[in-house]
């Protein structure tokens, strides 16, 4: 990735960690506002990274649930 994407991805990861720990979703709006006022490119890269990371996390949770259910059904068969 380029410097913009790298910086935005690092920021997105730290924001997700903060939101998960604190429950403060409002920080996302604050950061987007700040980034948008200073660099539209940084704002777009941050939002993209945030969406991609959150979507990936949800997909992994779904897959983990499916795997767990599959293993439970297989253990009941034996």
Protein backbone atom coordinates (compact mmCIF):
# COMPACT_ATOMS: atom_id res chain seq x y z
CA UNK A 1 0.00 0.00 0.00
CA UNK A 2 0.96 3.64 -0.31
CA UNK A 3 1.64 5.96 2.56
CA UNK A 4 -1.94 7.27 2.59
CA UNK A 5 -3.44 3.82 2.81
CA UNK A 6 -0.88 2.66 5.37
CA UNK A 7 -1.52 5.61 7.66
CA UNK A 8 -5.29 5.36 7.24
CA UNK A 9 -5.28 1.62 7.92
CA UNK A 10 -3.17 2.05 11.05
CA UNK A 11 -5.53 4.77 12.28
CA UNK A 12 -8.58 2.64 11.48
CA UNK A 13 -7.15 -0.29 13.43
CA UNK A 14 -6.48 1.90 16.46
CA UNK A 15 -9.94 3.45 16.26
CA UNK A 16 -11.57 0.01 16.11
CA UNK A 17 -9.57 -1.10 19.13
CA UNK A 18 -10.58 2.06 21.01
CA UNK A 19 -14.26 1.70 20.07
CA UNK A 20 -14.26 -1.98 21.07
CA UNK A 21 -12.75 -1.10 24.45
CA UNK A 22 -14.76 2.05 25.17
CA UNK A 23 -17.98 1.72 23.20
CA UNK A 24 -17.42 5.30 21.99
CA UNK A 25 -18.64 5.14 18.36
CA UNK A 26 -18.72 8.95 18.28
CA UNK A 27 -14.96 9.08 17.91
CA UNK A 28 -15.36 7.81 14.35
CA UNK A 29 -17.45 10.85 13.41
CA UNK A 30 -14.96 13.17 15.07
CA UNK A 31 -12.03 11.65 13.21
CA UNK A 32 -13.87 11.64 9.87
CA UNK A 33 -14.73 15.31 10.38
CA UNK A 34 -11.13 16.17 11.18
CA UNK A 35 -9.75 14.18 8.26
CA UNK A 36 -12.34 15.61 5.86
CA UNK A 37 -11.42 19.15 6.87
CA UNK A 38 -7.74 18.54 6.31
CA UNK A 39 -7.48 15.85 3.61
CA UNK A 40 -10.32 14.31 1.65
CA UNK A 41 -7.93 11.62 0.44
CA UNK A 42 -7.06 10.65 4.01
CA UNK A 43 -10.75 10.68 4.95
CA UNK A 44 -11.68 8.34 2.11
CA UNK A 45 -8.78 5.99 2.83
CA UNK A 46 -9.70 5.88 6.54
CA UNK A 47 -13.36 5.15 5.85
CA UNK A 48 -12.47 2.46 3.35
CA UNK A 49 -10.09 0.78 5.77
CA UNK A 50 -12.59 1.04 8.60
CA UNK A 51 -15.34 -0.55 6.51
CA UNK A 52 -13.09 -3.29 5.17
CA UNK A 53 -11.76 -4.18 8.62
CA UNK A 54 -15.22 -4.18 10.23
CA UNK A 55 -16.70 -6.25 7.40
CA UNK A 56 -13.83 -8.72 7.68
CA UNK A 57 -14.31 -8.99 11.45
CA UNK A 58 -18.05 -9.69 11.02
CA UNK A 59 -17.37 -12.26 8.32
CA UNK A 60 -14.81 -14.02 10.53
CA UNK A 61 -17.31 -14.07 13.43
CA UNK A 62 -19.93 -15.61 11.14
CA UNK A 63 -17.48 -18.22 9.88
CA UNK A 64 -16.34 -19.06 13.43
CA UNK A 65 -19.98 -19.60 14.42
CA UNK A 66 -20.55 -21.85 11.42
CA UNK A 67 -17.42 -23.87 12.19
CA UNK A 68 -18.45 -24.24 15.83
CA UNK A 69 -21.94 -25.40 14.85
CA UNK A 70 -20.49 -27.82 12.28
CA UNK A 71 -18.11 -29.33 14.82
CA UNK A 72 -20.91 -29.64 17.37
CA UNK A 73 -23.12 -31.44 14.85
CA UNK A 74 -20.27 -33.80 13.91
CA UNK A 75 -19.53 -34.64 17.55
CA UNK A 76 -23.20 -35.49 18.11
CA UNK A 77 -23.10 -37.93 15.19
CA UNK A 78 -20.34 -40.01 16.76
